[in-house]
Amino acid sequence: MKDWMHAKKKEIENMTFDQAKEIVEKQIRLGKEGGQWCPREHLTKALEIILSKAELYEFRTDYKEPLHDDVYKRYECPVCYYTLSNLDNFCPRCGQLLDWRFVRHWERTIRPTLERLQNGEV
């Protein structure tokens, strides 16, 4: 682990999520061990909560395509399977970022062509 106590300002500004996570995990560990220079109990708990939320957010920063449920003719979140509207840019339940580009392309071009082929219009 890097010694952040003596880091230069530029290094601190370029800190990554994983490096920040290491620092917070160290503070949580020190808080649980106790001692004269450890964080207080309420700060340790607050850091645990913030870290767990940050890990969830970091996991969901990549856009994913919504899943199409052919039985009910609806779209679902690819992470938690929550039913979505076409206006959602992220899942209201779990926060997963959604990429609708392929779905919109499918709805505008591919689906109508397939339906015409099935009906014998082409």
N, C-alpha and C. Protein backbone atom coordinates (compact mmCIF):
# COMPACT_ATOMS: atom_id res chain seq x y z
N MET A 1 0.83 -1.18 0.00
CA MET A 1 0.00 0.00 0.00
C MET A 1 0.88 1.25 0.00
N LYS A 2 0.48 2.21 -0.77
CA LYS A 2 1.24 3.46 -0.92
C LYS A 2 1.17 4.28 0.38
N ASP A 3 2.24 5.00 0.65
CA ASP A 3 2.30 5.90 1.81
C ASP A 3 1.68 7.24 1.41
N TRP A 4 0.41 7.43 1.69
CA TRP A 4 -0.30 8.64 1.29
C TRP A 4 -0.01 9.82 2.20
N MET A 5 0.56 9.58 3.36
CA MET A 5 0.89 10.68 4.27
C MET A 5 1.94 11.61 3.66
N HIS A 6 2.78 11.06 2.80
CA HIS A 6 3.86 11.84 2.20
C HIS A 6 3.70 11.99 0.69
N ALA A 7 2.50 11.80 0.21
CA ALA A 7 2.24 11.90 -1.24
C ALA A 7 2.21 13.36 -1.67
N LYS A 8 2.59 13.58 -2.90
CA LYS A 8 2.55 14.93 -3.47
C LYS A 8 1.11 15.25 -3.88
N LYS A 9 0.83 16.54 -3.99
CA LYS A 9 -0.52 16.99 -4.32
C LYS A 9 -1.01 16.36 -5.62
N LYS A 10 -0.16 16.27 -6.63
CA LYS A 10 -0.54 15.70 -7.94
C LYS A 10 -0.92 14.23 -7.79
N GLU A 11 -0.18 13.49 -6.96
CA GLU A 11 -0.49 12.07 -6.73
C GLU A 11 -1.86 11.92 -6.07
N ILE A 12 -2.14 12.80 -5.11
CA ILE A 12 -3.43 12.75 -4.42
C ILE A 12 -4.56 13.07 -5.38
N GLU A 13 -4.37 14.07 -6.25
CA GLU A 13 -5.40 14.43 -7.22
C GLU A 13 -5.68 13.30 -8.21
N ASN A 14 -4.68 12.46 -8.50
CA ASN A 14 -4.83 11.36 -9.46
C ASN A 14 -5.15 10.03 -8.78
N MET A 15 -5.57 10.06 -7.52
CA MET A 15 -5.88 8.85 -6.78
C MET A 15 -7.03 8.10 -7.47
N THR A 16 -6.90 6.77 -7.57
CA THR A 16 -7.94 5.94 -8.18
C THR A 16 -8.94 5.47 -7.12
N PHE A 17 -10.04 4.90 -7.59
CA PHE A 17 -11.04 4.35 -6.67
C PHE A 17 -10.43 3.26 -5.80
N ASP A 18 -9.63 2.38 -6.40
CA ASP A 18 -9.04 1.28 -5.62
C ASP A 18 -8.07 1.80 -4.56
N GLN A 19 -7.34 2.85 -4.87
CA GLN A 19 -6.42 3.43 -3.87
C GLN A 19 -7.20 4.07 -2.73
N ALA A 20 -8.27 4.78 -3.07
CA ALA A 20 -9.11 5.38 -2.03
C ALA A 20 -9.76 4.30 -1.18
N LYS A 21 -10.16 3.21 -1.82
CA LYS A 21 -10.77 2.09 -1.10
C LYS A 21 -9.79 1.49 -0.09
N GLU A 22 -8.52 1.36 -0.48
CA GLU A 22 -7.50 0.84 0.44
C GLU A 22 -7.38 1.72 1.69
N ILE A 23 -7.39 3.03 1.48
CA ILE A 23 -7.27 3.96 2.61
C ILE A 23 -8.47 3.81 3.55
N VAL A 24 -9.66 3.75 2.99
CA VAL A 24 -10.87 3.63 3.82
C VAL A 24 -10.87 2.29 4.55
N GLU A 25 -10.49 1.21 3.84
CA GLU A 25 -10.44 -0.11 4.49
C GLU A 25 -9.45 -0.12 5.65
N LYS A 26 -8.32 0.59 5.48
CA LYS A 26 -7.33 0.66 6.56
C LYS A 26 -7.92 1.39 7.76
N GLN A 27 -8.65 2.50 7.52
CA GLN A 27 -9.27 3.24 8.62
C GLN A 27 -10.33 2.39 9.33
N ILE A 28 -11.08 1.61 8.57
CA ILE A 28 -12.08 0.71 9.18
C ILE A 28 -11.38 -0.33 10.04
N ARG A 29 -10.31 -0.91 9.52
CA ARG A 29 -9.55 -1.91 10.27
C ARG A 29 -8.99 -1.32 11.56
N LEU A 30 -8.42 -0.10 11.48
CA LEU A 30 -7.88 0.56 12.67
C LEU A 30 -9.00 0.84 13.68
N GLY A 31 -10.16 1.23 13.20
CA GLY A 31 -11.28 1.52 14.09
C GLY A 31 -11.76 0.30 14.84
N LYS A 32 -11.72 -0.86 14.16
CA LYS A 32 -12.16 -2.10 14.81
C LYS A 32 -11.12 -2.63 15.79
N GLU A 33 -9.83 -2.37 15.51
CA GLU A 33 -8.77 -2.83 16.40
C GLU A 33 -8.69 -2.00 17.68
N GLY A 34 -9.07 -0.73 17.58
CA GLY A 34 -9.01 0.14 18.75
C GLY A 34 -7.60 0.70 18.92
N GLY A 35 -7.42 1.45 19.98
CA GLY A 35 -6.11 2.06 20.24
C GLY A 35 -6.22 3.57 20.31
N GLN A 36 -5.13 4.21 20.63
CA GLN A 36 -5.12 5.65 20.86
C GLN A 36 -5.42 6.46 19.60
N TRP A 37 -4.91 6.04 18.44
CA TRP A 37 -5.03 6.84 17.22
C TRP A 37 -6.05 6.30 16.23
N CYS A 38 -6.94 5.46 16.70
CA CYS A 38 -7.94 4.88 15.79
C CYS A 38 -9.14 5.82 15.62
N PRO A 39 -9.86 5.68 14.48
CA PRO A 39 -11.08 6.47 14.32
C PRO A 39 -12.13 6.05 15.35
N ARG A 40 -13.00 6.96 15.69
CA ARG A 40 -14.06 6.63 16.65
C ARG A 40 -15.04 5.64 16.04
N GLU A 41 -15.83 4.99 16.90
CA GLU A 41 -16.74 3.93 16.47
C GLU A 41 -17.76 4.42 15.44
N HIS A 42 -18.32 5.60 15.65
CA HIS A 42 -19.32 6.10 14.70
C HIS A 42 -18.70 6.42 13.34
N LEU A 43 -17.46 6.90 13.33
CA LEU A 43 -16.78 7.17 12.06
C LEU A 43 -16.46 5.87 11.34
N THR A 44 -16.04 4.86 12.08
CA THR A 44 -15.76 3.56 11.48
C THR A 44 -17.00 3.00 10.81
N LYS A 45 -18.16 3.07 11.49
CA LYS A 45 -19.41 2.58 10.92
C LYS A 45 -19.80 3.40 9.69
N ALA A 46 -19.64 4.70 9.75
CA ALA A 46 -19.96 5.57 8.61
C ALA A 46 -19.08 5.21 7.41
N LEU A 47 -17.81 4.96 7.64
CA LEU A 47 -16.90 4.57 6.56
C LEU A 47 -17.30 3.24 5.95
N GLU A 48 -17.73 2.29 6.79
CA GLU A 48 -18.19 0.99 6.27
C GLU A 48 -19.40 1.17 5.35
N ILE A 49 -20.35 1.98 5.76
CA ILE A 49 -21.56 2.21 4.97
C ILE A 49 -21.21 2.89 3.64
N ILE A 50 -20.39 3.93 3.72
CA ILE A 50 -20.01 4.65 2.50
C ILE A 50 -19.24 3.74 1.54
N LEU A 51 -18.34 2.93 2.07
CA LEU A 51 -17.57 2.03 1.23
C LEU A 51 -18.47 1.01 0.53
N SER A 52 -19.44 0.45 1.25
CA SER A 52 -20.33 -0.54 0.63
C SER A 52 -21.15 0.10 -0.50
N LYS A 53 -21.63 1.32 -0.29
CA LYS A 53 -22.38 2.03 -1.34
C LYS A 53 -21.48 2.37 -2.52
N ALA A 54 -20.26 2.79 -2.25
CA ALA A 54 -19.32 3.14 -3.32
C ALA A 54 -18.98 1.92 -4.16
N GLU A 55 -18.83 0.76 -3.53
CA GLU A 55 -18.53 -0.47 -4.28
C GLU A 55 -19.70 -0.83 -5.20
N LEU A 56 -20.93 -0.65 -4.74
CA LEU A 56 -22.09 -0.90 -5.59
C LEU A 56 -22.11 0.05 -6.76
N TYR A 57 -21.83 1.32 -6.50
CA TYR A 57 -21.82 2.31 -7.57
C TYR A 57 -20.72 2.01 -8.58
N GLU A 58 -19.54 1.67 -8.10
CA GLU A 58 -18.42 1.36 -9.00
C GLU A 58 -18.76 0.18 -9.89
N PHE A 59 -19.48 -0.80 -9.36
CA PHE A 59 -19.89 -1.98 -10.12
C PHE A 59 -20.85 -1.61 -11.24
N ARG A 60 -21.65 -0.57 -11.03
CA ARG A 60 -22.71 -0.22 -11.98
C ARG A 60 -22.37 0.96 -12.88
N THR A 61 -21.10 1.30 -13.02
CA THR A 61 -20.75 2.44 -13.87
C THR A 61 -20.67 2.07 -15.35
N ASP A 62 -20.67 0.80 -15.68
CA ASP A 62 -20.69 0.38 -17.08
C ASP A 62 -22.13 0.28 -17.55
N TYR A 63 -22.39 0.84 -18.72
CA TYR A 63 -23.73 0.75 -19.29
C TYR A 63 -24.01 -0.67 -19.75
N LYS A 64 -25.23 -1.14 -19.54
CA LYS A 64 -25.64 -2.46 -20.00
C LYS A 64 -26.96 -2.34 -20.75
N GLU A 65 -27.15 -3.22 -21.73
CA GLU A 65 -28.39 -3.22 -22.49
C GLU A 65 -29.51 -3.84 -21.66
N PRO A 66 -30.71 -3.25 -21.71
CA PRO A 66 -31.85 -3.86 -21.03
C PRO A 66 -32.20 -5.21 -21.67
N LEU A 67 -32.77 -6.08 -20.90
CA LEU A 67 -33.21 -7.39 -21.40
C LEU A 67 -34.65 -7.28 -21.87
N HIS A 68 -34.97 -8.00 -22.96
CA HIS A 68 -36.35 -8.00 -23.46
C HIS A 68 -37.04 -9.28 -23.01
N ASP A 69 -38.18 -9.13 -22.37
CA ASP A 69 -39.00 -10.27 -21.95
C ASP A 69 -40.04 -10.49 -23.05
N ASP A 70 -39.84 -11.55 -23.85
CA ASP A 70 -40.73 -11.82 -24.98
C ASP A 70 -42.13 -12.23 -24.55
N VAL A 71 -42.26 -12.86 -23.40
CA VAL A 71 -43.57 -13.32 -22.93
C VAL A 71 -44.47 -12.14 -22.59
N TYR A 72 -43.96 -11.19 -21.82
CA TYR A 72 -44.77 -10.05 -21.38
C TYR A 72 -44.54 -8.78 -22.21
N LYS A 73 -43.66 -8.88 -23.24
CA LYS A 73 -43.38 -7.74 -24.12
C LYS A 73 -42.95 -6.50 -23.34
N ARG A 74 -41.93 -6.67 -22.52
CA ARG A 74 -41.41 -5.56 -21.71
C ARG A 74 -39.90 -5.69 -21.58
N TYR A 75 -39.29 -4.62 -21.08
CA TYR A 75 -37.84 -4.62 -20.86
C TYR A 75 -37.55 -4.68 -19.37
N GLU A 76 -36.43 -5.37 -19.05
CA GLU A 76 -36.04 -5.56 -17.66
C GLU A 76 -34.58 -5.16 -17.47
N CYS A 77 -34.25 -4.79 -16.23
CA CYS A 77 -32.87 -4.48 -15.86
C CYS A 77 -32.03 -5.75 -15.96
N PRO A 78 -30.83 -5.68 -16.56
CA PRO A 78 -29.99 -6.86 -16.68
C PRO A 78 -29.35 -7.32 -15.36
N VAL A 79 -29.46 -6.49 -14.31
CA VAL A 79 -28.87 -6.85 -13.02
C VAL A 79 -29.92 -7.40 -12.06
N CYS A 80 -31.03 -6.65 -11.87
CA CYS A 80 -32.02 -7.06 -10.86
C CYS A 80 -33.36 -7.47 -11.47
N TYR A 81 -33.52 -7.40 -12.78
CA TYR A 81 -34.72 -7.83 -13.51
C TYR A 81 -35.96 -7.00 -13.19
N TYR A 82 -35.76 -5.78 -12.77
CA TYR A 82 -36.87 -4.85 -12.51
C TYR A 82 -37.45 -4.42 -13.86
N THR A 83 -38.78 -4.30 -13.95
CA THR A 83 -39.43 -3.86 -15.19
C THR A 83 -39.16 -2.38 -15.42
N LEU A 84 -38.71 -2.07 -16.64
CA LEU A 84 -38.28 -0.71 -16.98
C LEU A 84 -39.25 -0.05 -17.94
N SER A 85 -39.22 1.28 -17.96
CA SER A 85 -39.88 2.01 -19.03
C SER A 85 -38.80 2.42 -20.02
N ASN A 86 -39.16 2.73 -21.25
CA ASN A 86 -38.17 3.12 -22.25
C ASN A 86 -37.52 4.46 -21.94
N LEU A 87 -38.00 5.17 -20.95
CA LEU A 87 -37.46 6.48 -20.62
C LEU A 87 -36.37 6.41 -19.55
N ASP A 88 -36.20 5.26 -18.91
CA ASP A 88 -35.23 5.14 -17.83
C ASP A 88 -33.80 5.10 -18.38
N ASN A 89 -32.94 5.97 -17.86
CA ASN A 89 -31.52 5.92 -18.21
C ASN A 89 -30.75 5.05 -17.22
N PHE A 90 -31.40 4.74 -16.11
CA PHE A 90 -30.83 3.85 -15.12
C PHE A 90 -31.97 3.11 -14.44
N CYS A 91 -31.66 1.97 -13.83
CA CYS A 91 -32.68 1.17 -13.16
C CYS A 91 -33.10 1.88 -11.86
N PRO A 92 -34.40 2.11 -11.68
CA PRO A 92 -34.85 2.77 -10.45
C PRO A 92 -34.60 1.94 -9.19
N ARG A 93 -34.48 0.61 -9.34
CA ARG A 93 -34.27 -0.24 -8.17
C ARG A 93 -32.81 -0.34 -7.77
N CYS A 94 -31.93 -0.69 -8.72
CA CYS A 94 -30.53 -0.97 -8.35
C CYS A 94 -29.54 0.08 -8.84
N GLY A 95 -29.95 0.98 -9.73
CA GLY A 95 -29.08 2.04 -10.19
C GLY A 95 -28.22 1.70 -11.40
N GLN A 96 -28.39 0.50 -11.97
CA GLN A 96 -27.61 0.12 -13.15
C GLN A 96 -27.86 1.09 -14.30
N LEU A 97 -26.77 1.59 -14.91
CA LEU A 97 -26.89 2.47 -16.07
C LEU A 97 -27.33 1.64 -17.28
N LEU A 98 -28.24 2.20 -18.08
CA LEU A 98 -28.83 1.46 -19.19
C LEU A 98 -28.45 2.07 -20.54
N ASP A 99 -28.15 1.22 -21.49
CA ASP A 99 -27.82 1.64 -22.85
C ASP A 99 -28.94 1.16 -23.77
N TRP A 100 -29.76 2.09 -24.23
CA TRP A 100 -30.93 1.77 -25.06
C TRP A 100 -30.63 1.84 -26.55
N ARG A 101 -29.40 2.12 -26.96
CA ARG A 101 -29.11 2.34 -28.38
C ARG A 101 -29.49 1.15 -29.25
N PHE A 102 -29.09 -0.07 -28.87
CA PHE A 102 -29.43 -1.23 -29.69
C PHE A 102 -30.93 -1.49 -29.67
N VAL A 103 -31.55 -1.31 -28.52
CA VAL A 103 -33.00 -1.53 -28.40
C VAL A 103 -33.75 -0.58 -29.33
N ARG A 104 -33.35 0.68 -29.34
CA ARG A 104 -34.03 1.66 -30.21
C ARG A 104 -33.78 1.35 -31.68
N HIS A 105 -32.57 0.92 -32.01
CA HIS A 105 -32.26 0.51 -33.38
C HIS A 105 -33.13 -0.68 -33.77
N TRP A 106 -33.25 -1.63 -32.88
CA TRP A 106 -34.08 -2.83 -33.11
C TRP A 106 -35.53 -2.43 -33.35
N GLU A 107 -36.06 -1.57 -32.49
CA GLU A 107 -37.47 -1.17 -32.60
C GLU A 107 -37.75 -0.40 -33.89
N ARG A 108 -36.80 0.41 -34.35
CA ARG A 108 -37.03 1.25 -35.53
C ARG A 108 -36.79 0.52 -36.85
N THR A 109 -35.81 -0.37 -36.89
CA THR A 109 -35.42 -0.94 -38.19
C THR A 109 -35.59 -2.45 -38.27
N ILE A 110 -35.02 -3.18 -37.36
CA ILE A 110 -34.98 -4.63 -37.49
C ILE A 110 -36.35 -5.27 -37.25
N ARG A 111 -37.03 -4.90 -36.18
CA ARG A 111 -38.33 -5.51 -35.88
C ARG A 111 -39.35 -5.31 -37.00
N PRO A 112 -39.53 -4.07 -37.53
CA PRO A 112 -40.50 -3.92 -38.63
C PRO A 112 -40.15 -4.76 -39.86
N THR A 113 -38.85 -4.89 -40.15
CA THR A 113 -38.43 -5.71 -41.29
C THR A 113 -38.77 -7.17 -41.05
N LEU A 114 -38.51 -7.68 -39.85
CA LEU A 114 -38.85 -9.07 -39.53
C LEU A 114 -40.36 -9.31 -39.60
N GLU A 115 -41.14 -8.37 -39.12
CA GLU A 115 -42.59 -8.52 -39.18
C GLU A 115 -43.09 -8.54 -40.62
N ARG A 116 -42.51 -7.70 -41.49
CA ARG A 116 -42.89 -7.73 -42.90
C ARG A 116 -42.52 -9.05 -43.55
N LEU A 117 -41.34 -9.58 -43.19
CA LEU A 117 -40.93 -10.89 -43.72
C LEU A 117 -41.88 -11.98 -43.27
N GLN A 118 -42.27 -11.97 -41.99
CA GLN A 118 -43.18 -12.98 -41.47
C GLN A 118 -44.56 -12.90 -42.11
N ASN A 119 -44.99 -11.70 -42.45
CA ASN A 119 -46.30 -11.52 -43.07
C ASN A 119 -46.25 -11.72 -44.58
N GLY A 120 -45.07 -11.97 -45.13
CA GLY A 120 -44.94 -12.19 -46.57
C GLY A 120 -45.05 -10.94 -47.40
N GLU A 121 -44.81 -9.80 -46.81
CA GLU A 121 -44.94 -8.52 -47.52
C GLU A 121 -43.69 -8.21 -48.34
N VAL A 122 -42.58 -8.87 -48.06
CA VAL A 122 -41.34 -8.54 -48.77
C VAL A 122 -41.06 -9.59 -49.80
